[in-house]
């Protein structure tokens, strides 16, 4: 019983923390939405659009979000940066702006590149988890995981060494040395996902020889080897 009670207490504390986070994020989202002009004009939205890694999301019947597959293979959605909240851009709004998904993506990537280039090196800090060295984003960036979409800035902040990068949620990105056992990476990733209001539940990304890959399946390592040989 001594072994069971601490574990149960930990789960209860985690549940309370997640509920508190949900409430706070919902309040922040509602405040952000109230500050947005209605309807949202393109000139107002254009400098605020950012690409977001797409996690589990079931579309409503009348307003699916704008989606596009990124160059590294994972699907993206697009949010409007309004304080800590990132309301999604839906298809109906994009049609009113007379913008295609590609046009929105181009604007969003330009905004992301500009914002990422202004981040100081202190955005990322080192540490240890499960006895392994890690690097993790320190500042509360609502779009921290989107750094994988700008490899030059990613390597400026995390270094160019071979590494595995995990995105438990939009606001956190974690890096492990490439030598870290897969089960350790998985355990840490799951633990962080449990603390996220909306976990992304994405496979890890791999930075190898200065190139970023999305480890989206069991054959990914073979694909990397084939590309390197080519």
Protein backbone atom coordinates (compact mmCIF):
# COMPACT_ATOMS: atom_id res chain seq x y z
CA UNK A 1 0.00 0.00 0.00
CA UNK A 2 2.90 2.37 0.64
CA UNK A 3 3.93 1.96 -3.00
CA UNK A 4 0.42 2.44 -4.33
CA UNK A 5 -0.57 5.56 -2.39
CA UNK A 6 2.19 7.88 -3.72
CA UNK A 7 1.42 6.81 -7.31
CA UNK A 8 -2.29 7.45 -6.77
CA UNK A 9 -1.53 10.84 -5.24
CA UNK A 10 0.65 11.73 -8.21
CA UNK A 11 -2.14 10.88 -10.65
CA UNK A 12 -4.62 12.97 -8.65
CA UNK A 13 -2.25 15.94 -8.61
CA UNK A 14 -1.69 15.58 -12.36
CA UNK A 15 -5.45 15.46 -12.97
CA UNK A 16 -5.97 18.61 -10.90
CA UNK A 17 -3.15 20.38 -12.76
CA UNK A 18 -4.61 19.45 -16.15
CA UNK A 19 -8.10 20.63 -15.15
CA UNK A 20 -6.65 23.94 -13.89
CA UNK A 21 -4.73 24.34 -17.15
CA UNK A 22 -7.86 23.67 -19.20
CA UNK A 23 -9.78 26.33 -17.26
CA UNK A 24 -6.98 28.90 -17.60
CA UNK A 25 -6.50 28.22 -21.29
CA UNK A 26 -10.24 28.43 -21.91
CA UNK A 27 -10.34 31.81 -20.20
CA UNK A 28 -7.35 33.02 -22.22
CA UNK A 29 -8.97 31.79 -25.42
CA UNK A 30 -12.25 33.58 -24.64
CA UNK A 31 -10.42 36.82 -23.88
CA UNK A 32 -8.46 36.52 -27.12
CA UNK A 33 -11.57 35.89 -29.18
CA UNK A 34 -13.27 38.94 -27.67
CA UNK A 35 -10.31 41.08 -28.79
CA UNK A 36 -10.58 39.90 -32.39
CA UNK A 37 -12.48 42.09 -34.86
CA UNK A 38 -15.61 40.56 -36.37
CA UNK A 39 -15.44 39.56 -39.10
CA UNK A 40 -11.67 39.16 -39.06
CA UNK A 41 -10.18 41.21 -41.94
CA UNK A 42 -7.23 39.88 -43.91
CA UNK A 43 -5.03 42.91 -43.17
CA UNK A 44 -5.46 42.28 -39.43
CA UNK A 45 -4.96 38.54 -39.68
CA UNK A 46 -2.01 38.44 -42.09
CA UNK A 47 0.79 39.33 -39.61
CA UNK A 48 -0.70 37.03 -36.95
CA UNK A 49 -1.06 33.75 -38.89
CA UNK A 50 1.30 30.98 -37.77
CA UNK A 51 1.62 27.31 -38.81
CA UNK A 52 0.80 24.73 -36.14
CA UNK A 53 1.51 21.02 -36.01
CA UNK A 54 -1.81 19.21 -36.32
CA UNK A 55 -2.81 16.91 -33.48
CA UNK A 56 -5.98 14.84 -33.04
CA UNK A 57 -8.88 16.96 -34.28
CA UNK A 58 -12.34 16.03 -35.53
CA UNK A 59 -13.88 18.61 -37.86
CA UNK A 60 -17.18 20.27 -37.16
CA UNK A 61 -19.58 19.92 -40.06
CA UNK A 62 -19.61 23.59 -41.01
CA UNK A 63 -16.11 24.92 -40.29
CA UNK A 64 -13.18 22.55 -40.91
CA UNK A 65 -9.76 24.18 -40.36
CA UNK A 66 -7.42 24.95 -43.21
CA UNK A 67 -4.91 22.11 -43.55
CA UNK A 68 -1.78 21.50 -45.58
CA UNK A 69 0.89 18.82 -45.53
CA UNK A 70 4.29 20.25 -44.56
CA UNK A 71 7.52 19.67 -46.45
CA UNK A 72 8.61 17.11 -43.83
CA UNK A 73 5.36 15.16 -44.10
CA UNK A 74 3.28 16.08 -41.04
CA UNK A 75 -0.02 17.89 -41.45
CA UNK A 76 -0.34 21.53 -40.45
CA UNK A 77 -3.18 23.77 -39.34
CA UNK A 78 -3.01 27.55 -38.96
CA UNK A 79 -3.68 29.75 -35.95
CA UNK A 80 -3.99 33.46 -35.29
CA UNK A 81 -1.56 34.59 -32.61
CA UNK A 82 -3.72 36.59 -30.20
CA UNK A 83 -1.91 36.60 -26.87
CA UNK A 84 -1.36 33.03 -25.65
CA UNK A 85 -4.32 31.77 -27.67
CA UNK A 86 -4.18 30.54 -31.27
CA UNK A 87 -7.70 30.38 -32.74
CA UNK A 88 -7.65 28.21 -35.86
CA UNK A 89 -8.23 29.56 -39.35
CA UNK A 90 -11.14 27.67 -40.89
CA UNK A 91 -12.01 27.10 -44.53
CA UNK A 92 -14.93 29.54 -44.53
CA UNK A 93 -12.73 32.38 -43.30
CA UNK A 94 -10.04 31.52 -45.87
CA UNK A 95 -12.65 31.61 -48.62
CA UNK A 96 -13.83 35.03 -47.43
CA UNK A 97 -10.20 36.18 -47.61
CA UNK A 98 -10.00 34.63 -51.09
CA UNK A 99 -6.88 32.75 -49.99
CA UNK A 100 -5.86 29.18 -50.82
CA UNK A 101 -4.20 26.87 -48.31
CA UNK A 102 -0.88 27.41 -50.11
CA UNK A 103 -1.19 31.20 -49.83
CA UNK A 104 -1.99 31.00 -46.13
CA UNK A 105 0.94 28.60 -45.64
CA UNK A 106 3.34 31.00 -47.36
CA UNK A 107 2.28 33.90 -45.14
CA UNK A 108 2.34 31.75 -41.99
CA UNK A 109 5.85 30.45 -42.70
CA UNK A 110 7.15 33.97 -43.30
CA UNK A 111 5.69 35.05 -39.95
CA UNK A 112 7.14 32.00 -38.19
CA UNK A 113 10.60 32.58 -39.66
CA UNK A 114 10.56 36.22 -38.56
CA UNK A 115 9.44 35.38 -35.02
CA UNK A 116 11.83 32.46 -34.61
CA UNK A 117 14.80 34.54 -35.76
CA UNK A 118 14.16 36.95 -32.88
CA UNK A 119 14.21 34.29 -30.15
CA UNK A 120 17.24 34.50 -27.83
CA UNK A 121 19.39 31.46 -27.10
CA UNK A 122 17.90 31.44 -23.59
CA UNK A 123 14.66 30.17 -25.15
CA UNK A 124 16.16 26.67 -24.82
CA UNK A 125 17.67 25.30 -21.62
CA UNK A 126 19.37 22.04 -20.74
CA UNK A 127 18.49 19.51 -18.08
CA UNK A 128 18.13 15.84 -17.24
CA UNK A 129 15.10 13.54 -17.32
CA UNK A 130 15.12 9.82 -16.58
CA UNK A 131 18.89 10.09 -16.17
CA UNK A 132 19.30 11.42 -19.73
CA UNK A 133 20.38 14.87 -20.89
CA UNK A 134 17.74 16.91 -22.66
CA UNK A 135 17.09 20.35 -24.05
CA UNK A 136 13.67 21.95 -23.71
CA UNK A 137 12.04 25.22 -24.66
CA UNK A 138 11.96 27.48 -21.62
CA UNK A 139 9.82 30.42 -22.59
CA UNK A 140 6.06 30.03 -22.78
CA UNK A 141 5.76 30.02 -26.56
CA UNK A 142 2.32 29.03 -27.78
CA UNK A 143 3.96 27.86 -31.03
CA UNK A 144 7.22 26.34 -29.71
CA UNK A 145 6.69 23.00 -31.48
CA UNK A 146 6.46 24.82 -34.84
CA UNK A 147 10.22 25.43 -34.64
CA UNK A 148 10.65 22.08 -36.39
CA UNK A 149 9.28 23.81 -39.51
CA UNK A 150 12.24 26.24 -39.62
CA UNK A 151 15.34 23.99 -39.39
CA UNK A 152 17.86 26.84 -39.56
CA UNK A 153 16.38 28.49 -36.47
CA UNK A 154 15.87 25.11 -34.82
CA UNK A 155 19.59 24.34 -35.13
CA UNK A 156 20.51 27.84 -33.96
CA UNK A 157 18.60 27.25 -30.73
CA UNK A 158 19.10 23.51 -30.14
CA UNK A 159 22.44 23.02 -31.90
CA UNK A 160 23.18 21.04 -35.05
CA UNK A 161 24.18 17.76 -33.37
CA UNK A 162 22.18 14.67 -34.33
CA UNK A 163 19.14 14.55 -32.05
CA UNK A 164 15.56 13.42 -31.56
CA UNK A 165 12.91 16.10 -31.08
CA UNK A 166 9.51 15.54 -29.50
CA UNK A 167 6.50 17.85 -29.57
CA UNK A 168 4.06 16.85 -26.79
CA UNK A 169 2.00 20.00 -27.40
CA UNK A 170 2.07 23.26 -29.31
CA UNK A 171 3.89 25.10 -26.51
CA UNK A 172 6.79 22.73 -25.81
CA UNK A 173 9.62 21.10 -27.77
CA UNK A 174 12.07 18.61 -26.23
CA UNK A 175 15.38 17.41 -27.66
CA UNK A 176 17.26 14.20 -26.80
CA UNK A 177 20.69 13.06 -28.01
CA UNK A 178 20.31 10.59 -30.87
CA UNK A 179 21.82 7.86 -28.65
CA UNK A 180 18.89 8.05 -26.20
CA UNK A 181 17.04 4.70 -26.10
CA UNK A 182 13.67 4.83 -27.88
CA UNK A 183 11.84 3.59 -24.78
CA UNK A 184 13.23 6.49 -22.71
CA UNK A 185 12.12 9.00 -25.35
CA UNK A 186 8.67 7.38 -25.46
CA UNK A 187 8.27 7.41 -21.67
CA UNK A 188 9.22 11.08 -21.37
CA UNK A 189 7.04 12.04 -24.33
CA UNK A 190 4.00 10.26 -22.88
CA UNK A 191 4.59 11.87 -19.49
CA UNK A 192 4.66 15.35 -21.03
CA UNK A 193 1.62 14.58 -23.21
CA UNK A 194 -0.33 13.70 -20.07
CA UNK A 195 0.27 17.25 -18.83
CA UNK A 196 -0.97 18.89 -22.03
CA UNK A 197 -4.52 20.12 -22.46
CA UNK A 198 -4.44 19.15 -26.15
CA UNK A 199 -1.55 16.70 -26.72
CA UNK A 200 -0.32 16.45 -30.29
CA UNK A 201 0.40 12.70 -30.12
CA UNK A 202 2.97 12.94 -32.91
CA UNK A 203 5.87 10.63 -33.70
CA UNK A 204 9.29 12.17 -33.00
CA UNK A 205 11.34 14.24 -35.42
CA UNK A 206 14.99 13.38 -36.11
CA UNK A 207 17.76 15.84 -36.94
CA UNK A 208 20.45 13.86 -38.74
CA UNK A 209 23.49 15.35 -40.48
CA UNK A 210 21.80 18.75 -40.56
CA UNK A 211 18.58 17.46 -42.12
CA UNK A 212 15.26 17.10 -40.33
CA UNK A 213 13.09 14.01 -40.77
CA UNK A 214 9.73 13.10 -39.34
CA UNK A 215 9.94 9.68 -37.74
CA UNK A 216 6.41 8.74 -38.80
CA UNK A 217 6.69 4.97 -38.84
CA UNK A 218 8.78 1.86 -38.38
CA UNK A 219 10.34 2.26 -41.83
CA UNK A 220 11.58 5.80 -41.21
CA UNK A 221 15.15 4.77 -40.34
CA UNK A 222 15.36 2.71 -43.52
CA UNK A 223 14.08 5.72 -45.49
CA UNK A 224 16.76 7.94 -43.95
CA UNK A 225 19.46 5.39 -44.81
CA UNK A 226 18.25 5.18 -48.41
CA UNK A 227 18.22 8.98 -48.75
CA UNK A 228 21.73 9.21 -47.28
CA UNK A 229 23.00 6.56 -49.69
CA UNK A 230 21.42 8.44 -52.60
